[in-house]
Protein backbone atom coordinates (compact mmCIF):
# COMPACT_ATOMS: atom_id res chain seq x y z
CA MET A 1 -21.09 -32.04 61.84
CA PRO A 2 -21.07 -32.37 58.06
CA SER A 3 -17.85 -31.37 56.36
CA PRO A 4 -18.29 -28.31 54.17
CA ARG A 5 -17.31 -28.22 50.56
CA ALA A 6 -14.77 -25.48 50.20
CA SER A 7 -12.86 -23.72 47.49
CA SER A 8 -10.15 -21.13 47.83
CA SER A 9 -7.18 -19.76 46.02
CA ASN A 10 -5.35 -22.88 47.17
CA ALA A 11 -8.21 -25.40 47.35
CA GLY A 12 -10.56 -26.30 44.52
CA VAL A 13 -14.25 -27.11 44.52
CA SER A 14 -15.85 -30.52 44.21
CA ARG A 15 -18.08 -30.79 41.17
CA HIS A 16 -21.30 -32.73 41.72
CA GLU A 17 -23.25 -31.41 38.76
CA PRO A 18 -24.45 -34.35 36.66
CA ASP A 19 -26.92 -32.14 34.76
CA PHE A 20 -24.20 -29.86 33.43
CA PRO A 21 -21.28 -30.72 31.19
CA ALA A 22 -17.85 -30.30 32.69
CA PRO A 23 -16.53 -26.90 31.57
CA THR A 24 -13.32 -26.46 29.72
CA ALA A 25 -11.01 -25.43 32.54
CA ARG A 26 -7.69 -23.72 32.69
CA SER A 27 -4.90 -25.65 34.32
CA ALA A 28 -5.23 -23.63 37.52
CA THR A 29 -8.89 -24.62 37.85
CA GLU A 30 -8.06 -28.26 37.14
CA LYS A 31 -5.48 -28.13 39.93
CA LEU A 32 -7.93 -26.48 42.31
CA THR A 33 -10.58 -29.10 41.60
CA ALA A 34 -8.12 -31.97 41.99
CA ASN A 35 -6.90 -30.56 45.30
CA ARG A 36 -10.45 -30.23 46.56
CA ARG A 37 -11.41 -33.78 45.59
CA SER A 38 -8.50 -35.18 47.56
CA THR A 39 -8.87 -32.99 50.65
CA THR A 40 -11.57 -32.89 53.33
CA MET A 41 -11.99 -29.28 54.33
CA THR A 42 -13.04 -28.78 57.95
CA ILE A 43 -14.35 -25.64 59.53
CA ASP A 44 -11.09 -25.23 61.42
CA THR A 45 -9.11 -25.52 58.18
CA VAL A 46 -11.27 -22.92 56.46
CA ALA A 47 -11.09 -20.46 59.35
CA ALA A 48 -7.35 -20.99 59.79
CA SER A 49 -6.72 -20.42 56.09
CA ALA A 50 -8.68 -17.16 56.15
CA ALA A 51 -6.95 -15.98 59.31
CA ALA A 52 -3.52 -16.73 57.85
CA ALA A 53 -4.38 -14.67 54.77
CA SER A 54 -5.61 -11.68 56.77
CA ALA A 55 -2.37 -9.77 57.32
CA PRO A 56 -0.78 -10.36 53.89
CA PHE A 57 -4.02 -9.50 52.08
CA ALA A 58 -4.48 -6.30 54.09
CA ALA A 59 -0.92 -5.30 53.15
CA THR A 60 -1.37 -5.78 49.40
CA ASP A 61 -0.67 -2.76 47.25
CA PRO A 62 -3.95 -1.03 46.27
CA GLY A 63 -3.10 -1.37 42.60
CA ASP A 64 -2.56 -5.11 42.95
CA ARG A 65 -5.82 -5.61 44.84
CA ALA A 66 -7.71 -3.49 42.33
CA SER A 67 -6.20 -5.52 39.49
CA ALA A 68 -7.41 -8.69 41.19
CA LEU A 69 -10.97 -7.37 41.34
CA ILE A 70 -10.81 -6.47 37.66
CA ALA A 71 -9.46 -9.92 36.88
CA ILE A 72 -12.48 -11.46 38.65
CA ALA A 73 -14.81 -9.16 36.70
CA ASP A 74 -13.20 -10.09 33.39
CA ALA A 75 -13.39 -13.79 34.22
CA VAL A 76 -17.06 -13.60 35.19
CA ASP A 77 -17.85 -11.79 31.94
CA ALA A 78 -15.87 -14.34 29.94
CA HIS A 79 -17.90 -17.18 31.46
CA ALA A 80 -21.22 -15.34 31.48
CA ASP A 81 -23.00 -17.57 28.97
CA GLU A 82 -22.05 -20.72 30.85
CA LEU A 83 -22.98 -19.26 34.23
CA ILE A 84 -26.31 -17.92 33.02
CA GLN A 85 -27.37 -21.33 31.70
CA ILE A 86 -26.64 -22.91 35.08
CA ALA A 87 -28.55 -20.11 36.82
CA ILE A 88 -31.60 -20.51 34.58
CA ALA A 89 -31.82 -24.21 35.39
CA GLU A 90 -31.44 -23.70 39.14
CA THR A 91 -33.49 -20.54 39.74
CA GLY A 92 -36.03 -20.22 36.93
CA LEU A 93 -34.99 -16.61 36.36
CA THR A 94 -34.94 -15.41 32.76
CA ALA A 95 -31.87 -15.00 30.59
CA PRO A 96 -32.31 -11.20 30.12
CA ARG A 97 -32.68 -10.67 33.87
CA LEU A 98 -29.61 -12.80 34.62
CA ALA A 99 -27.53 -11.14 31.89
CA GLY A 100 -28.25 -7.78 33.47
CA GLU A 101 -27.31 -9.16 36.86
CA VAL A 102 -23.97 -10.45 35.57
CA ARG A 103 -23.28 -7.04 34.05
CA ARG A 104 -24.08 -5.36 37.35
CA THR A 105 -21.88 -7.80 39.27
CA SER A 106 -18.80 -7.46 37.09
CA ASN A 107 -19.00 -3.70 36.78
CA GLN A 108 -19.49 -3.34 40.50
CA LEU A 109 -16.11 -5.06 40.91
CA ARG A 110 -14.58 -2.58 38.46
CA LEU A 111 -16.12 0.35 40.34
CA PHE A 112 -14.72 -0.94 43.62
CA ALA A 113 -11.31 -1.26 41.97
CA GLU A 114 -11.47 2.46 41.19
CA VAL A 115 -12.33 3.19 44.83
CA ILE A 116 -9.35 1.16 46.03
CA VAL A 117 -6.90 3.00 43.81
CA ASP A 118 -8.36 6.40 44.74
CA GLY A 119 -7.77 5.63 48.43
CA ALA A 120 -10.17 8.19 49.91
CA TYR A 121 -12.21 5.37 51.45
CA LEU A 122 -9.35 4.81 53.94
CA ASP A 123 -10.06 8.26 55.49
CA ALA A 124 -6.39 8.82 56.34
CA ARG A 125 -6.03 11.63 58.91
CA ILE A 126 -2.78 13.04 60.24
CA ASP A 127 -2.65 15.40 63.24
CA LEU A 128 0.95 16.58 63.46
CA ALA A 129 2.46 17.17 66.90
CA ASP A 130 1.55 20.61 68.24
CA PRO A 131 3.06 21.83 71.54
CA ASP A 132 0.80 24.89 71.44
CA TYR A 133 -2.44 22.96 70.87
CA ILE A 134 -5.16 24.97 72.59
CA ILE A 135 -6.43 22.08 74.71
CA GLY A 136 -2.93 21.07 75.75
CA PRO A 137 0.16 19.75 73.92
CA ARG A 138 -0.90 17.42 71.13
CA PRO A 139 1.14 14.36 70.19
CA ASP A 140 1.48 13.14 66.63
CA VAL A 141 -1.73 11.13 66.02
CA ARG A 142 -2.57 9.40 62.75
CA ARG A 143 -5.74 7.48 61.99
CA VAL A 144 -6.74 5.23 59.11
CA LEU A 145 -9.39 2.63 58.34
CA GLU A 146 -8.01 -0.90 58.25
CA PRO A 147 -9.56 -4.27 57.26
CA VAL A 148 -11.46 -5.99 60.08
CA GLY A 149 -10.22 -9.45 59.12
CA PRO A 150 -11.99 -12.55 57.76
CA VAL A 151 -15.59 -11.97 56.65
CA LEU A 152 -18.33 -14.61 56.34
CA ASN A 153 -20.97 -13.87 53.71
CA PHE A 154 -24.25 -15.81 53.54
CA GLY A 155 -25.32 -15.78 49.87
CA ALA A 156 -28.87 -14.87 48.85
CA SER A 157 -31.33 -16.92 46.81
CA ASN A 158 -32.99 -14.23 44.67
CA PHE A 159 -29.83 -12.67 43.20
CA PRO A 160 -27.61 -15.62 42.22
CA PHE A 161 -24.93 -13.23 40.97
CA ALA A 162 -25.43 -9.78 42.54
CA PHE A 163 -25.88 -11.04 46.12
CA SER A 164 -24.22 -14.40 45.99
CA VAL A 165 -20.69 -15.74 45.62
CA ILE A 166 -19.12 -12.59 44.15
CA GLY A 167 -21.96 -10.11 44.65
CA GLY A 168 -22.03 -6.87 46.58
CA ASP A 169 -21.12 -8.11 50.06
CA SER A 170 -18.31 -10.28 48.69
CA ALA A 171 -16.94 -7.51 46.50
CA ALA A 172 -17.01 -5.07 49.41
CA ALA A 173 -15.12 -7.45 51.70
CA LEU A 174 -12.43 -8.16 49.12
CA ALA A 175 -12.14 -4.48 48.25
CA ALA A 176 -11.64 -3.69 51.93
CA GLY A 177 -8.77 -6.19 52.07
CA CYS A 178 -10.60 -8.85 54.08
CA PRO A 179 -10.33 -12.60 53.39
CA LEU A 180 -13.74 -13.85 52.34
CA ILE A 181 -15.66 -17.03 53.10
CA VAL A 182 -18.96 -17.41 51.24
CA LYS A 183 -21.67 -19.72 52.52
CA ALA A 184 -23.38 -20.84 49.31
CA HIS A 185 -27.15 -20.64 49.10
CA PRO A 186 -28.72 -24.10 48.64
CA GLY A 187 -31.01 -22.71 45.93
CA HIS A 188 -28.18 -22.55 43.38
CA PRO A 189 -25.34 -24.86 44.49
CA ALA A 190 -23.99 -25.71 41.03
CA LEU A 191 -23.79 -22.04 40.10
CA SER A 192 -22.10 -21.23 43.40
CA ARG A 193 -19.43 -23.91 42.87
CA ARG A 194 -18.70 -22.91 39.31
CA THR A 195 -18.55 -19.21 40.18
CA ALA A 196 -16.22 -20.04 43.07
CA GLU A 197 -13.86 -21.86 40.72
CA ILE A 198 -13.73 -18.83 38.44
CA VAL A 199 -13.14 -16.41 41.32
CA ALA A 200 -10.47 -18.61 42.93
CA THR A 201 -8.59 -18.93 39.67
CA ALA A 202 -8.67 -15.17 39.02
CA LEU A 203 -7.35 -14.43 42.50
CA GLU A 204 -4.62 -17.03 42.22
CA ASP A 205 -3.56 -15.76 38.81
CA SER A 206 -3.47 -12.22 40.26
CA GLY A 207 -1.01 -13.30 42.94
CA MET A 208 -3.32 -12.83 45.90
CA PRO A 209 -2.43 -14.75 49.09
CA ASP A 210 -3.71 -18.27 49.66
CA GLY A 211 -6.92 -18.38 51.69
CA VAL A 212 -8.26 -15.02 50.48
CA PHE A 213 -11.42 -16.63 49.07
CA GLN A 214 -13.26 -19.81 50.11
CA LEU A 215 -16.70 -21.34 49.58
CA ILE A 216 -18.56 -23.53 52.04
CA GLU A 217 -21.92 -25.27 51.85
CA GLY A 218 -24.41 -26.38 54.49
CA GLN A 219 -26.32 -24.79 57.33
CA GLU A 220 -24.25 -26.26 60.17
CA PRO A 221 -20.87 -25.23 58.73
CA GLY A 222 -22.21 -21.70 58.23
CA ILE A 223 -23.35 -21.45 61.84
CA GLU A 224 -20.12 -22.96 63.17
CA LEU A 225 -18.06 -20.47 61.21
CA LEU A 226 -20.21 -17.60 62.45
CA LYS A 227 -19.28 -18.69 65.97
CA ASP A 228 -15.57 -19.07 65.18
CA PRO A 229 -13.44 -16.35 66.83
CA ARG A 230 -11.37 -15.94 63.67
CA ILE A 231 -14.40 -14.56 61.79
CA ARG A 232 -14.52 -10.80 62.42
CA ALA A 233 -17.67 -9.73 60.53
CA ALA A 234 -20.58 -11.31 58.67
CA ALA A 235 -23.12 -10.34 56.02
CA PHE A 236 -26.47 -11.87 55.14
CA THR A 237 -29.33 -11.31 52.71
CA GLY A 238 -32.52 -13.24 53.31
CA SER A 239 -35.55 -13.61 55.55
CA THR A 240 -36.22 -11.73 58.76
CA HIS A 241 -36.52 -14.99 60.68
CA VAL A 242 -33.20 -16.50 59.62
CA GLY A 243 -31.37 -13.16 59.64
CA THR A 244 -32.46 -12.45 63.21
CA LEU A 245 -31.33 -15.89 64.36
CA LEU A 246 -27.89 -15.38 62.80
CA ALA A 247 -27.61 -11.84 64.16
CA ASN A 248 -28.30 -13.16 67.66
CA ILE A 249 -25.55 -15.75 67.24
CA ALA A 250 -23.09 -13.07 66.16
CA ALA A 251 -24.08 -10.85 69.10
CA SER A 252 -23.88 -13.65 71.68
CA ARG A 253 -20.33 -14.72 70.87
CA PRO A 254 -17.73 -14.18 73.63
CA GLN A 255 -16.36 -11.54 71.26
CA PRO A 256 -19.43 -10.18 69.39
CA ILE A 257 -18.91 -9.17 65.79
CA PRO A 258 -20.74 -6.86 63.37
CA PHE A 259 -23.51 -8.68 61.52
CA TYR A 260 -24.86 -6.86 58.48
CA GLY A 261 -28.17 -8.53 57.72
CA GLU A 262 -30.56 -7.38 55.02
CA LEU A 263 -33.91 -8.77 56.07
CA GLY A 264 -37.50 -7.98 55.07
CA SER A 265 -39.02 -4.80 53.68
CA VAL A 266 -42.48 -4.00 52.31
CA ASN A 267 -41.46 -0.68 50.70
CA PRO A 268 -44.66 1.38 50.95
CA ALA A 269 -45.53 3.82 48.16
CA TYR A 270 -47.83 6.84 48.47
CA VAL A 271 -49.70 8.61 45.70
CA THR A 272 -51.39 12.01 46.01
CA ALA A 273 -54.53 13.10 44.19
CA GLY A 274 -52.45 15.30 41.91
CA ALA A 275 -50.17 12.41 40.96
CA VAL A 276 -53.15 10.18 40.11
CA ALA A 277 -54.30 12.79 37.60
CA ALA A 278 -50.80 13.43 36.26
CA GLU A 279 -49.77 9.79 35.81
CA PRO A 280 -52.26 7.91 33.63
CA ASP A 281 -50.01 4.82 33.54
CA LEU A 282 -49.59 4.70 37.31
CA LEU A 283 -51.34 1.38 37.89
CA SER A 284 -49.73 -0.45 34.98
CA SER A 285 -46.22 0.71 35.93
CA PHE A 286 -46.88 -0.28 39.54
CA VAL A 287 -48.03 -3.77 38.55
CA ALA A 288 -44.97 -4.15 36.31
CA SER A 289 -42.74 -3.37 39.30
CA VAL A 290 -44.61 -5.87 41.48
CA ALA A 291 -44.40 -8.57 38.79
CA GLY A 292 -40.72 -8.13 37.89
CA SER A 293 -38.71 -11.28 38.66
CA ALA A 294 -41.99 -12.71 40.02
CA GLY A 295 -41.95 -10.22 42.86
CA GLN A 296 -38.92 -11.89 44.41
CA LEU A 297 -37.09 -8.63 45.04
CA CYS A 298 -36.34 -7.03 48.39
CA THR A 299 -37.45 -3.66 46.97
CA LYS A 300 -40.81 -4.76 45.55
CA PRO A 301 -43.49 -2.20 46.49
CA GLY A 302 -45.72 -4.18 48.84
CA PHE A 303 -48.23 -1.41 49.57
CA LEU A 304 -49.62 1.38 47.39
CA PHE A 305 -51.58 4.14 49.16
CA VAL A 306 -54.01 6.04 46.91
CA PRO A 307 -56.82 8.51 47.67
CA ALA A 308 -60.25 7.06 48.31
CA GLY A 309 -62.38 7.43 45.21
CA ALA A 310 -59.45 8.04 42.86
CA GLU A 311 -59.84 6.29 39.51
CA LEU A 312 -56.78 4.18 38.72
CA GLY A 313 -58.18 2.61 35.58
CA ASP A 314 -58.47 -1.05 34.77
CA ALA A 315 -55.82 -3.46 35.92
CA PRO A 316 -53.42 -4.27 33.07
CA GLU A 317 -53.32 -7.65 31.42
CA PRO A 318 -51.33 -10.00 33.64
CA PRO A 319 -47.87 -10.98 32.45
CA ALA A 320 -47.00 -14.56 31.67
CA GLU A 321 -46.55 -16.82 34.66
CA HIS A 322 -43.06 -16.89 36.16
CA ARG A 323 -41.43 -19.71 38.11
CA LEU A 324 -40.61 -18.94 41.70
CA LEU A 325 -37.05 -19.60 42.81
CA ASN A 326 -37.54 -22.94 44.50
CA PRO A 327 -40.30 -25.10 46.03
CA GLY A 328 -39.71 -23.67 49.51
CA ILE A 329 -40.14 -20.08 48.41
CA GLY A 330 -43.05 -21.07 46.18
CA GLY A 331 -44.82 -22.82 49.02
CA ALA A 332 -44.30 -19.87 51.37
CA PHE A 333 -45.72 -17.49 48.75
CA GLU A 334 -48.74 -19.68 48.20
CA GLU A 335 -49.48 -19.74 51.93
CA ARG A 336 -48.93 -15.98 52.33
CA ARG A 337 -51.18 -15.27 49.33
CA ARG A 338 -53.91 -17.42 50.86
CA THR A 339 -53.68 -15.45 54.12
CA VAL A 340 -53.94 -12.10 52.35
CA LEU A 341 -56.89 -13.16 50.22
CA GLY A 342 -58.69 -14.41 53.32
CA ALA A 343 -58.24 -11.24 55.38
CA GLY A 344 -61.33 -9.20 56.24
CA GLY A 345 -62.03 -6.18 54.06
CA VAL A 346 -59.84 -7.32 51.15
CA THR A 347 -61.17 -6.80 47.60
CA VAL A 348 -59.46 -8.54 44.69
CA LEU A 349 -58.32 -6.30 41.80
CA ALA A 350 -56.28 -8.96 40.01
CA GLU A 351 -56.55 -12.45 41.40
CA GLY A 352 -53.52 -13.94 39.73
CA GLY A 353 -52.78 -17.55 40.45
CA VAL A 354 -50.28 -20.24 41.38
CA ARG A 355 -49.62 -23.42 39.40
CA ILE A 356 -47.60 -26.36 40.73
CA ASP A 357 -45.71 -28.66 38.37
CA ASP A 358 -44.89 -32.32 38.91
CA VAL A 359 -41.66 -31.56 40.79
CA GLY A 360 -43.20 -29.06 43.18
CA GLN A 361 -42.11 -25.83 41.48
CA ARG A 362 -44.63 -22.99 41.66
CA TYR A 363 -45.42 -20.68 38.75
CA ALA A 364 -47.23 -17.44 39.63
CA THR A 365 -49.00 -14.47 38.08
CA PRO A 366 -49.48 -11.22 40.06
CA THR A 367 -52.14 -10.86 42.72
CA ILE A 368 -53.27 -7.29 43.50
CA VAL A 369 -55.81 -6.63 46.24
CA GLU A 370 -57.38 -3.49 47.69
CA ILE A 371 -58.33 -2.49 51.25
CA THR A 372 -59.23 0.66 53.18
CA LEU A 373 -56.76 2.16 55.62
CA ALA A 374 -59.14 1.41 58.49
CA ASP A 375 -59.34 -2.25 57.51
CA LEU A 376 -55.56 -2.45 57.07
CA ARG A 377 -55.10 -1.29 60.64
CA ALA A 378 -57.67 -3.82 61.80
CA GLN A 379 -56.05 -6.64 59.81
CA ARG A 380 -52.42 -5.66 60.42
CA ASP A 381 -51.44 -9.06 61.83
CA ALA A 382 -52.52 -10.74 58.60
CA LEU A 383 -51.38 -8.14 56.08
CA LEU A 384 -48.26 -6.27 57.19
CA GLU A 385 -45.77 -9.14 56.88
CA GLU A 386 -43.67 -9.12 53.72
CA CYS A 387 -44.96 -11.33 50.91
CA PHE A 388 -41.99 -12.57 48.88
CA GLY A 389 -43.55 -12.96 45.46
CA PRO A 390 -45.86 -11.18 42.99
CA LEU A 391 -48.47 -9.77 45.39
CA SER A 392 -49.18 -6.23 46.54
CA ILE A 393 -51.89 -4.35 48.43
CA VAL A 394 -53.57 -1.11 47.33
CA VAL A 395 -54.69 0.92 50.35
CA ARG A 396 -57.36 3.63 50.10
CA TYR A 397 -56.86 6.64 52.39
CA THR A 398 -59.16 9.62 53.04
CA SER A 399 -56.73 12.32 54.18
CA LEU A 400 -53.16 13.07 53.17
CA ASP A 401 -52.59 14.41 56.68
CA ASP A 402 -53.01 10.89 58.11
CA LEU A 403 -50.14 9.37 56.16
CA PRO A 404 -47.11 10.49 58.24
CA ALA A 405 -48.57 8.76 61.30
CA VAL A 406 -49.43 5.71 59.20
CA GLN A 407 -45.84 5.41 58.00
CA ARG A 408 -44.41 5.70 61.50
CA GLU A 409 -46.97 3.33 63.00
CA LEU A 410 -47.13 0.57 60.40
CA PHE A 411 -43.79 0.77 58.57
CA PRO A 412 -41.03 1.66 61.07
CA GLY A 413 -38.16 0.17 59.05
CA ASN A 414 -37.88 -0.04 55.26
CA LEU A 415 -35.28 -0.35 52.55
CA THR A 416 -37.31 2.11 50.48
CA SER A 417 -40.39 4.32 50.57
CA THR A 418 -41.83 6.08 47.53
CA LEU A 419 -43.86 9.26 47.02
CA HIS A 420 -45.68 10.23 43.83
CA SER A 421 -46.83 13.85 44.02
CA THR A 422 -46.82 17.05 41.96
CA PRO A 423 -44.80 20.25 42.48
CA ASP A 424 -47.98 22.08 43.50
CA GLU A 425 -48.40 19.66 46.42
CA ALA A 426 -44.87 20.13 47.84
CA ALA A 427 -46.03 22.04 50.91
CA ASP A 428 -48.66 19.40 51.64
CA VAL A 429 -46.24 16.46 51.75
CA VAL A 430 -43.38 17.90 53.84
CA GLU A 431 -44.34 16.00 56.99
CA LEU A 432 -44.87 12.80 55.01
CA VAL A 433 -41.40 13.15 53.50
CA ASN A 434 -40.01 13.61 57.02
CA ALA A 435 -41.72 10.38 58.08
CA LEU A 436 -40.35 8.53 55.06
CA THR A 437 -36.77 9.65 55.70
CA GLU A 438 -37.02 8.69 59.38
CA THR A 439 -38.09 5.14 58.53
CA SER A 440 -36.36 4.35 55.23
CA GLY A 441 -32.93 4.02 53.71
CA ARG A 442 -33.91 5.31 50.27
CA VAL A 443 -36.78 7.70 49.46
CA LEU A 444 -37.99 7.89 45.87
CA PHE A 445 -39.98 10.77 44.40
CA ALA A 446 -40.80 9.11 41.09
CA GLY A 447 -40.84 5.64 39.59
CA TRP A 448 -40.67 2.47 41.67
CA PRO A 449 -38.00 1.07 43.98
CA THR A 450 -37.19 -2.14 42.10
CA GLY A 451 -33.78 -1.72 40.51
CA VAL A 452 -31.00 -0.55 42.81
CA SER A 453 -28.24 1.34 41.02
CA VAL A 454 -24.66 0.67 42.13
CA THR A 455 -23.33 4.18 42.71
CA SER A 456 -21.30 6.21 45.16
CA ALA A 457 -24.43 7.75 46.69
CA MET A 458 -26.65 4.65 46.91
CA GLN A 459 -28.10 3.57 50.26
CA HIS A 460 -29.49 0.05 50.40
CA GLY A 461 -30.33 -0.48 54.02
CA GLY A 462 -32.67 0.97 56.59
CA PRO A 463 -33.90 0.82 60.18
CA PHE A 464 -34.82 -2.57 61.63
CA PRO A 465 -36.49 -4.79 60.46
CA ALA A 466 -35.19 -3.84 57.01
CA THR A 467 -31.65 -4.49 58.22
CA THR A 468 -29.99 -5.57 61.46
CA THR A 469 -27.50 -2.70 61.25
CA ASP A 470 -28.45 0.48 59.42
CA ALA A 471 -25.67 0.39 56.83
CA THR A 472 -25.70 -0.13 53.05
CA SER A 473 -24.99 -3.31 51.11
CA VAL A 474 -24.97 -1.54 47.72
CA GLY A 475 -22.67 1.21 46.49
CA VAL A 476 -19.08 2.11 47.30
CA THR A 477 -19.76 3.01 50.94
CA ALA A 478 -20.63 -0.66 51.50
CA ILE A 479 -16.86 -1.24 51.71
CA GLY A 480 -16.76 0.71 54.98
CA ARG A 481 -18.67 -2.04 56.82
CA PHE A 482 -15.56 -4.18 56.73
CA LEU A 483 -13.10 -1.54 57.94
CA ARG A 484 -12.27 -0.30 61.43
CA GLY A 485 -10.47 2.82 62.61
CA VAL A 486 -6.97 2.51 64.10
CA ALA A 487 -5.02 5.46 65.48
CA TYR A 488 -1.22 5.50 65.73
CA GLN A 489 0.22 7.88 68.32
CA SER A 490 3.84 9.01 68.21
CA ALA A 491 4.68 6.10 65.91
CA PRO A 492 8.00 6.02 64.01
CA GLN A 493 7.64 6.28 60.25
CA GLU A 494 8.93 2.77 59.65
CA LEU A 495 6.11 1.28 61.75
CA LEU A 496 3.27 3.28 60.22
CA PRO A 497 1.02 1.72 57.57
CA PRO A 498 1.64 3.17 54.09
CA PRO A 499 -1.42 5.48 54.05
CA LEU A 500 -0.14 7.32 57.15
CA GLN A 501 3.51 7.65 56.23
CA ASP A 502 4.85 11.07 55.30
CA ALA A 503 6.09 9.60 52.00
CA ASN A 504 2.55 8.31 51.31
CA PRO A 505 3.71 5.45 49.04
CA TRP A 506 0.12 4.50 48.15
CA GLY A 507 -0.70 8.07 47.12
CA VAL A 508 -3.95 8.21 49.07
CA PRO A 509 -5.63 11.48 50.12
CA GLN A 510 -4.38 12.54 53.54
CA ARG A 511 -6.19 15.07 55.71
CA ILE A 512 -3.34 16.80 57.55
CA SER A 513 -3.81 19.09 60.55
CA GLU A 514 -0.81 21.38 60.80
CA PRO A 515 0.41 22.80 64.12
CA GLY A 516 -1.13 26.10 65.20
CA LEU A 517 -4.54 25.72 63.61
CA SER A 518 -6.36 25.32 66.92
CA GLN A 519 -5.69 28.96 67.78
CA SER A 520 -8.20 30.00 65.11
CA TRP A 521 -11.02 27.61 66.05
CA GLY A 522 -14.42 29.22 65.61
CA SER A 523 -13.32 31.66 62.92
CA LEU A 524 -15.00 29.72 60.14
CA LEU A 525 -18.39 30.81 61.47
CA GLY A 526 -17.70 34.36 60.38
CA ALA A 527 -17.23 33.24 56.79
CA TYR A 528 -20.31 31.00 56.78
């Protein structure tokens, strides 16, 4: 088995980046790099280091852990220009897009720091002993959410910052108090190594325990770590095929672990007759959403349902061609596009195109096709699979009443679904909205789903096949994936974790059930 490259707060990262000048490094980074060059990191070493860090990291004061996240955020911002240049060379994404992604990544860390200090995410509950408890004498029972232990995160290709080394899954694991091992995506290895150096230095300078953060590379090391009993949870963003394989590995371990995989989603959008009339720029805004980042977004609207006969206007002028992330993704898009264009009943609205350069990189412009609902059903095997790139399908329907069944039949699991309608049509779309909420993690009533805000209320997940486990990988509740409930019964104060102690040294919100309250159960109904 190949040895993984690894970096951590006590082991640096090898630098094999001949195309990039060596950065000016602080002494801590120089030490980390020197250590890494002289040490062969094995899977056992990586797993053992993370396991050893588990208890001390979980016990860190919330203020100290929050400060460490802020230190990472500040360091990423300070190195943004350098990191963006590496990302441009490796991914072909534009500087403005990447600058926004860095901003999202660093501020997500700051938001999670606020959540840590607030403490409500721990859901501390205290049921004081009650000899007169109505069900029978109640002992003192106290429950809190605690870190699950070491987390393995498989980085994504299409978000080299926001879903990679220190993106959402990584930030959530660290915020929860879990040691983190990131499996770098092969599409941006130089960026992953440099980001890992920056993160490791910030954690070391913040006084976090050794082994809290590590980076590995290679498919085999990632799979071996997923099988290692010291790994207690895993996260993944990528294709349905690979995500399902990894989820099966996690589930087939002697001790199965949670596997939070974000897989494929086609994100259907529906437009009523009223919305067509009310939104003259509907088609151009839709195409802009499809074309953004060359359609390489998990929330790209892959299907747009519009009434038969509705005039959408002329297709807008195509944007400039955009490089796809890597030759593998480019080749897969080219093949998928060929399949869609060859399907029966398809009419081309905007043909777009794909150009291949002398090193095999693909450059694409958007392809938009149209089909009737009847033909979509007939051609479902060719058309329903996600197309990762700038392609989308306009579907003509004859009756609004058919759409709830269409959603449930053709799109059973989605990250997002979108509805464009008018207030006068509210009564007509109730059942469609019900179908969208049953099958989607996020339902939009305006705009387009590309662009996922990092907020307290965000849900970025959905029923399978959108995700393997219907949780969220964006927003503050993403932290909860890497926590587990533990109850302490009749425990002495000195053996309770700080959030459950009467003194409450961390100052977290505690939900306390005083003795005697059970005698009044049911009385709240009268005040409802």
